[in-house]
Amino acid sequence: MTDVTDGTQDDLLLEHQLCFALTVASRSVVGAYKPVLDRLGLTHPQYLVMLSLWESSPRSVRDISDALTQEPATISPLLRRLEAGGFITRQRVPGDERTLAVGLTPQGAALRKQATAVPGTMMDRLGLTREQVQQLHASMMDLIAATKTGADGPPRR
């Protein structure tokens, strides 16, 4: 029996679950991006791929999947749709037929100029300042790091 004075009696309430809050927040934020990204002709996952390519292009499929922490099999259908939309090219690397180089087309590179409005638009939609976004991002990165190192170590308090 749990001692009701130690504060753990409510630990299993849905509203106290970190996983629940993160799931709802993620779904809500991605949903808020949808109308903004629709104007660019991109889905949220496609936007993430384009962000990685605007940082560095060309990139291998493996490099994109590593940057997005997704499996290459998850990235490949996104790349096919982006290629069909005229935003990217996919070409085999000469001398390494197993590696696919993904590059921006002129249309994909030009889309970056329109996309520069997305972060500010999203801050306005969510009522967040740049500093708040940076703080939330840092907290999320800390959580991500904790999931990678915390599983093997002692419980953190």
N, C-alpha and C. Protein backbone atom coordinates (compact mmCIF):
# COMPACT_ATOMS: atom_id res chain seq x y z
N MET A 1 0.84 -1.18 0.00
CA MET A 1 0.00 0.00 0.00
C MET A 1 0.88 1.24 0.00
N THR A 2 0.55 2.20 -0.85
CA THR A 2 1.32 3.43 -0.94
C THR A 2 0.96 4.37 0.18
N ASP A 3 1.97 4.96 0.77
CA ASP A 3 1.77 5.95 1.82
C ASP A 3 1.23 7.22 1.17
N VAL A 4 0.02 7.62 1.57
CA VAL A 4 -0.63 8.77 0.94
C VAL A 4 0.04 10.09 1.31
N THR A 5 0.93 10.07 2.28
CA THR A 5 1.60 11.32 2.67
C THR A 5 2.84 11.60 1.86
N ASP A 6 3.31 10.64 1.06
CA ASP A 6 4.54 10.87 0.30
C ASP A 6 4.29 11.47 -1.08
N GLY A 7 3.04 11.72 -1.45
CA GLY A 7 2.73 12.37 -2.72
C GLY A 7 2.64 11.44 -3.90
N THR A 8 2.85 10.15 -3.70
CA THR A 8 2.84 9.23 -4.84
C THR A 8 1.45 8.68 -5.16
N GLN A 9 0.47 8.96 -4.33
CA GLN A 9 -0.86 8.40 -4.56
C GLN A 9 -1.46 8.86 -5.89
N ASP A 10 -1.02 10.00 -6.40
CA ASP A 10 -1.56 10.51 -7.65
C ASP A 10 -0.65 10.24 -8.85
N ASP A 11 0.42 9.48 -8.66
CA ASP A 11 1.39 9.27 -9.74
C ASP A 11 0.79 8.63 -10.98
N LEU A 12 -0.26 7.84 -10.83
CA LEU A 12 -0.84 7.16 -11.98
C LEU A 12 -2.02 7.90 -12.59
N LEU A 13 -2.26 9.12 -12.17
CA LEU A 13 -3.30 9.92 -12.82
C LEU A 13 -2.82 10.31 -14.21
N LEU A 14 -3.69 10.18 -15.18
CA LEU A 14 -3.35 10.51 -16.56
C LEU A 14 -2.79 11.92 -16.66
N GLU A 15 -3.40 12.85 -15.98
CA GLU A 15 -2.97 14.25 -16.06
C GLU A 15 -1.57 14.50 -15.48
N HIS A 16 -1.02 13.53 -14.78
CA HIS A 16 0.33 13.66 -14.22
C HIS A 16 1.40 12.95 -15.05
N GLN A 17 0.98 12.34 -16.13
CA GLN A 17 1.91 11.55 -16.93
C GLN A 17 2.67 12.44 -17.92
N LEU A 18 3.97 12.42 -17.83
CA LEU A 18 4.82 13.16 -18.75
C LEU A 18 4.58 12.69 -20.18
N CYS A 19 4.47 11.39 -20.38
CA CYS A 19 4.27 10.84 -21.72
C CYS A 19 2.97 11.36 -22.33
N PHE A 20 1.94 11.49 -21.54
CA PHE A 20 0.66 11.99 -22.04
C PHE A 20 0.78 13.46 -22.45
N ALA A 21 1.38 14.27 -21.60
CA ALA A 21 1.53 15.69 -21.91
C ALA A 21 2.37 15.88 -23.17
N LEU A 22 3.45 15.11 -23.30
CA LEU A 22 4.30 15.22 -24.48
C LEU A 22 3.56 14.80 -25.75
N THR A 23 2.78 13.72 -25.67
CA THR A 23 2.03 13.24 -26.82
C THR A 23 1.02 14.27 -27.28
N VAL A 24 0.26 14.83 -26.34
CA VAL A 24 -0.76 15.82 -26.70
C VAL A 24 -0.10 17.10 -27.21
N ALA A 25 0.98 17.52 -26.56
CA ALA A 25 1.68 18.73 -27.01
C ALA A 25 2.23 18.54 -28.42
N SER A 26 2.85 17.41 -28.68
CA SER A 26 3.42 17.13 -30.00
C SER A 26 2.34 17.15 -31.07
N ARG A 27 1.27 16.44 -30.82
CA ARG A 27 0.17 16.37 -31.78
C ARG A 27 -0.43 17.77 -32.02
N SER A 28 -0.57 18.55 -30.95
CA SER A 28 -1.15 19.89 -31.05
C SER A 28 -0.24 20.85 -31.81
N VAL A 29 1.04 20.80 -31.52
CA VAL A 29 1.98 21.70 -32.20
C VAL A 29 2.10 21.34 -33.67
N VAL A 30 2.23 20.06 -33.98
CA VAL A 30 2.31 19.64 -35.38
C VAL A 30 1.02 20.04 -36.11
N GLY A 31 -0.12 19.90 -35.46
CA GLY A 31 -1.39 20.33 -36.05
C GLY A 31 -1.43 21.82 -36.31
N ALA A 32 -0.82 22.61 -35.43
CA ALA A 32 -0.77 24.06 -35.62
C ALA A 32 0.10 24.43 -36.82
N TYR A 33 1.09 23.61 -37.12
CA TYR A 33 1.95 23.85 -38.28
C TYR A 33 1.21 23.60 -39.61
N LYS A 34 0.22 22.70 -39.60
CA LYS A 34 -0.40 22.24 -40.84
C LYS A 34 -0.85 23.37 -41.76
N PRO A 35 -1.66 24.33 -41.33
CA PRO A 35 -2.10 25.36 -42.27
C PRO A 35 -0.95 26.24 -42.77
N VAL A 36 0.06 26.41 -41.95
CA VAL A 36 1.22 27.22 -42.34
C VAL A 36 2.02 26.48 -43.41
N LEU A 37 2.23 25.19 -43.21
CA LEU A 37 3.00 24.39 -44.17
C LEU A 37 2.21 24.08 -45.43
N ASP A 38 0.88 24.02 -45.31
CA ASP A 38 0.05 23.80 -46.50
C ASP A 38 0.32 24.88 -47.54
N ARG A 39 0.56 26.11 -47.10
CA ARG A 39 0.85 27.21 -48.02
C ARG A 39 2.16 26.99 -48.78
N LEU A 40 3.04 26.18 -48.19
CA LEU A 40 4.31 25.86 -48.85
C LEU A 40 4.21 24.58 -49.68
N GLY A 41 3.10 23.87 -49.54
CA GLY A 41 2.94 22.60 -50.24
C GLY A 41 3.68 21.46 -49.57
N LEU A 42 3.89 21.57 -48.24
CA LEU A 42 4.65 20.56 -47.49
C LEU A 42 3.85 20.02 -46.33
N THR A 43 4.07 18.75 -46.02
CA THR A 43 3.60 18.19 -44.77
C THR A 43 4.68 18.47 -43.71
N HIS A 44 4.37 18.23 -42.45
CA HIS A 44 5.37 18.46 -41.41
C HIS A 44 6.61 17.58 -41.59
N PRO A 45 6.46 16.28 -41.83
CA PRO A 45 7.67 15.47 -42.05
C PRO A 45 8.48 15.94 -43.26
N GLN A 46 7.80 16.36 -44.33
CA GLN A 46 8.51 16.88 -45.50
C GLN A 46 9.25 18.17 -45.15
N TYR A 47 8.64 19.01 -44.33
CA TYR A 47 9.27 20.26 -43.88
C TYR A 47 10.58 19.94 -43.15
N LEU A 48 10.56 18.93 -42.29
CA LEU A 48 11.76 18.55 -41.56
C LEU A 48 12.87 18.10 -42.52
N VAL A 49 12.51 17.34 -43.54
CA VAL A 49 13.49 16.93 -44.54
C VAL A 49 14.05 18.15 -45.25
N MET A 50 13.18 19.07 -45.64
CA MET A 50 13.63 20.28 -46.33
C MET A 50 14.53 21.12 -45.43
N LEU A 51 14.21 21.21 -44.15
CA LEU A 51 15.09 21.94 -43.22
C LEU A 51 16.49 21.34 -43.23
N SER A 52 16.56 20.02 -43.22
CA SER A 52 17.88 19.38 -43.22
C SER A 52 18.63 19.67 -44.52
N LEU A 53 17.91 19.74 -45.62
CA LEU A 53 18.55 20.02 -46.91
C LEU A 53 18.91 21.50 -47.07
N TRP A 54 18.13 22.38 -46.47
CA TRP A 54 18.48 23.80 -46.51
C TRP A 54 19.74 24.07 -45.69
N GLU A 55 20.00 23.23 -44.72
CA GLU A 55 21.25 23.34 -43.94
C GLU A 55 22.44 22.86 -44.75
N SER A 56 22.25 21.77 -45.50
CA SER A 56 23.35 21.17 -46.26
C SER A 56 22.78 20.33 -47.39
N SER A 57 23.21 20.63 -48.59
CA SER A 57 22.74 19.89 -49.76
C SER A 57 23.88 19.81 -50.77
N PRO A 58 24.09 18.65 -51.38
CA PRO A 58 23.35 17.39 -51.23
C PRO A 58 23.75 16.65 -49.95
N ARG A 59 22.88 15.74 -49.57
CA ARG A 59 23.10 14.87 -48.42
C ARG A 59 22.69 13.46 -48.80
N SER A 60 23.31 12.50 -48.15
CA SER A 60 22.90 11.12 -48.37
C SER A 60 21.60 10.85 -47.61
N VAL A 61 20.89 9.84 -48.03
CA VAL A 61 19.67 9.43 -47.33
C VAL A 61 20.02 9.08 -45.88
N ARG A 62 21.12 8.39 -45.67
CA ARG A 62 21.56 8.02 -44.32
C ARG A 62 21.81 9.28 -43.48
N ASP A 63 22.44 10.28 -44.05
CA ASP A 63 22.72 11.52 -43.33
C ASP A 63 21.43 12.24 -42.94
N ILE A 64 20.46 12.28 -43.86
CA ILE A 64 19.17 12.89 -43.55
C ILE A 64 18.46 12.11 -42.45
N SER A 65 18.46 10.78 -42.57
CA SER A 65 17.78 9.96 -41.55
C SER A 65 18.45 10.12 -40.19
N ASP A 66 19.78 10.23 -40.16
CA ASP A 66 20.47 10.45 -38.89
C ASP A 66 20.12 11.82 -38.31
N ALA A 67 20.09 12.84 -39.16
CA ALA A 67 19.77 14.19 -38.69
C ALA A 67 18.36 14.25 -38.11
N LEU A 68 17.44 13.50 -38.70
CA LEU A 68 16.04 13.52 -38.25
C LEU A 68 15.73 12.40 -37.26
N THR A 69 16.73 11.62 -36.90
CA THR A 69 16.57 10.45 -36.03
C THR A 69 15.39 9.57 -36.47
N GLN A 70 15.39 9.29 -37.77
CA GLN A 70 14.39 8.41 -38.38
C GLN A 70 15.12 7.34 -39.18
N GLU A 71 14.47 6.23 -39.38
CA GLU A 71 15.04 5.16 -40.20
C GLU A 71 14.99 5.57 -41.67
N PRO A 72 15.99 5.16 -42.44
CA PRO A 72 15.96 5.46 -43.88
C PRO A 72 14.67 5.00 -44.56
N ALA A 73 14.11 3.89 -44.11
CA ALA A 73 12.85 3.40 -44.69
C ALA A 73 11.70 4.36 -44.44
N THR A 74 11.78 5.14 -43.39
CA THR A 74 10.76 6.15 -43.11
C THR A 74 10.98 7.38 -43.97
N ILE A 75 12.22 7.70 -44.24
CA ILE A 75 12.58 8.89 -45.01
C ILE A 75 12.32 8.69 -46.51
N SER A 76 12.54 7.50 -47.01
CA SER A 76 12.45 7.24 -48.46
C SER A 76 11.11 7.65 -49.08
N PRO A 77 9.96 7.31 -48.49
CA PRO A 77 8.69 7.75 -49.10
C PRO A 77 8.55 9.28 -49.11
N LEU A 78 9.07 9.94 -48.09
CA LEU A 78 9.03 11.40 -48.05
C LEU A 78 9.85 11.97 -49.21
N LEU A 79 11.01 11.36 -49.44
CA LEU A 79 11.87 11.82 -50.52
C LEU A 79 11.20 11.63 -51.89
N ARG A 80 10.53 10.50 -52.06
CA ARG A 80 9.84 10.26 -53.34
C ARG A 80 8.78 11.34 -53.59
N ARG A 81 8.03 11.70 -52.54
CA ARG A 81 6.98 12.71 -52.70
C ARG A 81 7.59 14.10 -52.94
N LEU A 82 8.69 14.40 -52.25
CA LEU A 82 9.36 15.68 -52.47
C LEU A 82 9.94 15.76 -53.88
N GLU A 83 10.45 14.64 -54.38
CA GLU A 83 10.96 14.61 -55.74
C GLU A 83 9.82 14.80 -56.74
N ALA A 84 8.70 14.12 -56.51
CA ALA A 84 7.54 14.28 -57.39
C ALA A 84 7.02 15.71 -57.37
N GLY A 85 7.18 16.39 -56.24
CA GLY A 85 6.75 17.79 -56.12
C GLY A 85 7.73 18.78 -56.73
N GLY A 86 8.88 18.27 -57.19
CA GLY A 86 9.86 19.13 -57.83
C GLY A 86 10.80 19.85 -56.89
N PHE A 87 10.84 19.44 -55.61
CA PHE A 87 11.67 20.13 -54.62
C PHE A 87 13.08 19.56 -54.49
N ILE A 88 13.24 18.26 -54.81
CA ILE A 88 14.54 17.61 -54.63
C ILE A 88 14.86 16.71 -55.81
N THR A 89 16.12 16.32 -55.88
CA THR A 89 16.57 15.29 -56.82
C THR A 89 17.21 14.18 -55.99
N ARG A 90 17.14 12.97 -56.53
CA ARG A 90 17.81 11.83 -55.91
C ARG A 90 18.66 11.19 -56.99
N GLN A 91 19.95 11.07 -56.72
CA GLN A 91 20.86 10.47 -57.69
C GLN A 91 21.84 9.56 -56.99
N ARG A 92 22.20 8.48 -57.67
CA ARG A 92 23.22 7.58 -57.15
C ARG A 92 24.56 8.30 -57.16
N VAL A 93 25.35 8.04 -56.12
CA VAL A 93 26.68 8.63 -56.02
C VAL A 93 27.63 7.84 -56.92
N PRO A 94 28.31 8.52 -57.85
CA PRO A 94 29.25 7.80 -58.72
C PRO A 94 30.31 7.07 -57.87
N GLY A 95 30.53 5.81 -58.19
CA GLY A 95 31.51 5.01 -57.47
C GLY A 95 30.95 4.34 -56.23
N ASP A 96 29.71 4.67 -55.85
CA ASP A 96 29.07 4.05 -54.69
C ASP A 96 27.58 3.92 -55.00
N GLU A 97 27.24 2.91 -55.74
CA GLU A 97 25.86 2.73 -56.22
C GLU A 97 24.85 2.53 -55.09
N ARG A 98 25.33 2.20 -53.89
CA ARG A 98 24.39 1.99 -52.78
C ARG A 98 23.97 3.31 -52.13
N THR A 99 24.74 4.38 -52.37
CA THR A 99 24.45 5.66 -51.73
C THR A 99 23.66 6.55 -52.66
N LEU A 100 22.58 7.11 -52.11
CA LEU A 100 21.72 8.02 -52.86
C LEU A 100 21.96 9.43 -52.34
N ALA A 101 22.36 10.33 -53.24
CA ALA A 101 22.56 11.74 -52.89
C ALA A 101 21.26 12.49 -53.14
N VAL A 102 20.82 13.24 -52.14
CA VAL A 102 19.60 14.02 -52.23
C VAL A 102 19.99 15.48 -52.28
N GLY A 103 19.53 16.17 -53.31
CA GLY A 103 19.87 17.58 -53.48
C GLY A 103 18.63 18.40 -53.74
N LEU A 104 18.77 19.69 -53.57
CA LEU A 104 17.67 20.62 -53.82
C LEU A 104 17.61 20.98 -55.30
N THR A 105 16.41 21.07 -55.81
CA THR A 105 16.20 21.65 -57.14
C THR A 105 16.15 23.17 -56.96
N PRO A 106 16.20 23.93 -58.04
CA PRO A 106 16.03 25.38 -57.90
C PRO A 106 14.72 25.73 -57.19
N GLN A 107 13.66 24.98 -57.48
CA GLN A 107 12.37 25.21 -56.82
C GLN A 107 12.47 24.93 -55.31
N GLY A 108 13.16 23.86 -54.94
CA GLY A 108 13.34 23.52 -53.53
C GLY A 108 14.19 24.55 -52.81
N ALA A 109 15.23 25.03 -53.48
CA ALA A 109 16.08 26.07 -52.87
C ALA A 109 15.30 27.37 -52.71
N ALA A 110 14.47 27.71 -53.70
CA ALA A 110 13.68 28.95 -53.64
C ALA A 110 12.61 28.88 -52.54
N LEU A 111 12.15 27.68 -52.24
CA LEU A 111 11.13 27.53 -51.20
C LEU A 111 11.64 27.97 -49.84
N ARG A 112 12.96 27.92 -49.65
CA ARG A 112 13.56 28.33 -48.39
C ARG A 112 13.20 29.78 -48.05
N LYS A 113 13.18 30.65 -49.04
CA LYS A 113 12.84 32.06 -48.81
C LYS A 113 11.44 32.19 -48.21
N GLN A 114 10.48 31.43 -48.74
CA GLN A 114 9.13 31.45 -48.19
C GLN A 114 9.09 30.85 -46.79
N ALA A 115 9.89 29.82 -46.58
CA ALA A 115 9.89 29.11 -45.30
C ALA A 115 10.49 29.94 -44.17
N THR A 116 11.24 30.98 -44.50
CA THR A 116 11.83 31.79 -43.42
C THR A 116 10.75 32.43 -42.55
N ALA A 117 9.53 32.54 -43.05
CA ALA A 117 8.43 33.11 -42.27
C ALA A 117 7.82 32.11 -41.29
N VAL A 118 8.09 30.83 -41.48
CA VAL A 118 7.44 29.80 -40.67
C VAL A 118 7.75 29.94 -39.17
N PRO A 119 9.01 30.05 -38.74
CA PRO A 119 9.25 30.14 -37.30
C PRO A 119 8.52 31.31 -36.63
N GLY A 120 8.57 32.48 -37.23
CA GLY A 120 7.88 33.64 -36.65
C GLY A 120 6.38 33.47 -36.62
N THR A 121 5.84 32.91 -37.71
CA THR A 121 4.40 32.65 -37.77
C THR A 121 4.00 31.68 -36.67
N MET A 122 4.80 30.65 -36.46
CA MET A 122 4.47 29.66 -35.43
C MET A 122 4.59 30.25 -34.03
N MET A 123 5.59 31.09 -33.81
CA MET A 123 5.69 31.74 -32.49
C MET A 123 4.44 32.58 -32.23
N ASP A 124 3.98 33.30 -33.24
CA ASP A 124 2.76 34.10 -33.09
C ASP A 124 1.55 33.21 -32.83
N ARG A 125 1.41 32.13 -33.61
CA ARG A 125 0.26 31.22 -33.46
C ARG A 125 0.23 30.60 -32.07
N LEU A 126 1.41 30.29 -31.54
CA LEU A 126 1.49 29.61 -30.24
C LEU A 126 1.64 30.59 -29.07
N GLY A 127 1.77 31.87 -29.37
CA GLY A 127 1.91 32.87 -28.32
C GLY A 127 3.21 32.73 -27.54
N LEU A 128 4.28 32.39 -28.25
CA LEU A 128 5.58 32.18 -27.61
C LEU A 128 6.60 33.18 -28.11
N THR A 129 7.51 33.57 -27.22
CA THR A 129 8.62 34.41 -27.63
C THR A 129 9.76 33.51 -28.13
N ARG A 130 10.72 34.11 -28.80
CA ARG A 130 11.89 33.35 -29.25
C ARG A 130 12.60 32.70 -28.06
N GLU A 131 12.69 33.44 -26.95
CA GLU A 131 13.35 32.91 -25.75
C GLU A 131 12.59 31.72 -25.18
N GLN A 132 11.27 31.79 -25.18
CA GLN A 132 10.48 30.65 -24.69
C GLN A 132 10.66 29.43 -25.58
N VAL A 133 10.71 29.66 -26.89
CA VAL A 133 10.94 28.55 -27.82
C VAL A 133 12.30 27.93 -27.56
N GLN A 134 13.30 28.77 -27.34
CA GLN A 134 14.65 28.25 -27.07
C GLN A 134 14.67 27.46 -25.77
N GLN A 135 13.95 27.92 -24.74
CA GLN A 135 13.88 27.19 -23.47
C GLN A 135 13.17 25.85 -23.64
N LEU A 136 12.04 25.87 -24.35
CA LEU A 136 11.31 24.61 -24.59
C LEU A 136 12.18 23.64 -25.39
N HIS A 137 12.87 24.15 -26.39
CA HIS A 137 13.74 23.30 -27.20
C HIS A 137 14.83 22.68 -26.34
N ALA A 138 15.45 23.49 -25.48
CA ALA A 138 16.51 22.97 -24.61
C ALA A 138 15.96 21.89 -23.68
N SER A 139 14.77 22.10 -23.14
CA SER A 139 14.15 21.09 -22.27
C SER A 139 13.88 19.79 -23.02
N MET A 140 13.38 19.91 -24.25
CA MET A 140 13.11 18.73 -25.05
C MET A 140 14.40 17.99 -25.39
N MET A 141 15.45 18.73 -25.71
CA MET A 141 16.74 18.09 -26.01
C MET A 141 17.28 17.39 -24.77
N ASP A 142 17.09 17.97 -23.58
CA ASP A 142 17.49 17.32 -22.34
C ASP A 142 16.72 16.01 -22.15
N LEU A 143 15.41 16.03 -22.43
CA LEU A 143 14.60 14.81 -22.33
C LEU A 143 15.08 13.75 -23.31
N ILE A 144 15.37 14.16 -24.53
CA ILE A 144 15.86 13.22 -25.53
C ILE A 144 17.17 12.59 -25.06
N ALA A 145 18.06 13.42 -24.56
CA ALA A 145 19.34 12.90 -24.06
C ALA A 145 19.12 11.96 -22.88
N ALA A 146 18.18 12.28 -22.01
CA ALA A 146 17.91 11.43 -20.85
C ALA A 146 17.39 10.06 -21.27
N THR A 147 16.63 10.02 -22.36
CA THR A 147 16.13 8.72 -22.81
C THR A 147 17.24 7.86 -23.37
N LYS A 148 18.30 8.49 -23.84
CA LYS A 148 19.41 7.73 -24.41
C LYS A 148 20.39 7.27 -23.33
N THR A 149 20.57 8.06 -22.28
CA THR A 149 21.53 7.71 -21.24
C THR A 149 20.86 7.19 -19.98
N GLY A 150 19.64 7.60 -19.73
CA GLY A 150 18.97 7.26 -18.48
C GLY A 150 18.50 5.83 -18.38
N ALA A 151 18.33 5.14 -19.50
CA ALA A 151 17.81 3.78 -19.45
C ALA A 151 18.77 2.81 -18.79
N ASP A 152 20.06 3.07 -18.89
CA ASP A 152 21.04 2.14 -18.35
C ASP A 152 21.48 2.50 -16.94
N GLY A 153 21.29 3.73 -16.56
CA GLY A 153 21.79 4.18 -15.26
C GLY A 153 20.73 4.13 -14.18
N PRO A 154 21.10 4.63 -13.00
CA PRO A 154 20.15 4.66 -11.90
C PRO A 154 19.05 5.68 -12.16
N PRO A 155 17.92 5.54 -11.49
CA PRO A 155 16.84 6.51 -11.67
C PRO A 155 17.33 7.92 -11.31
N ARG A 156 16.89 8.88 -12.08
CA ARG A 156 17.26 10.28 -11.83
C ARG A 156 16.19 10.94 -10.97
N ARG A 157 16.60 11.84 -10.14
CA ARG A 157 15.65 12.60 -9.31
C ARG A 157 15.81 14.06 -9.55
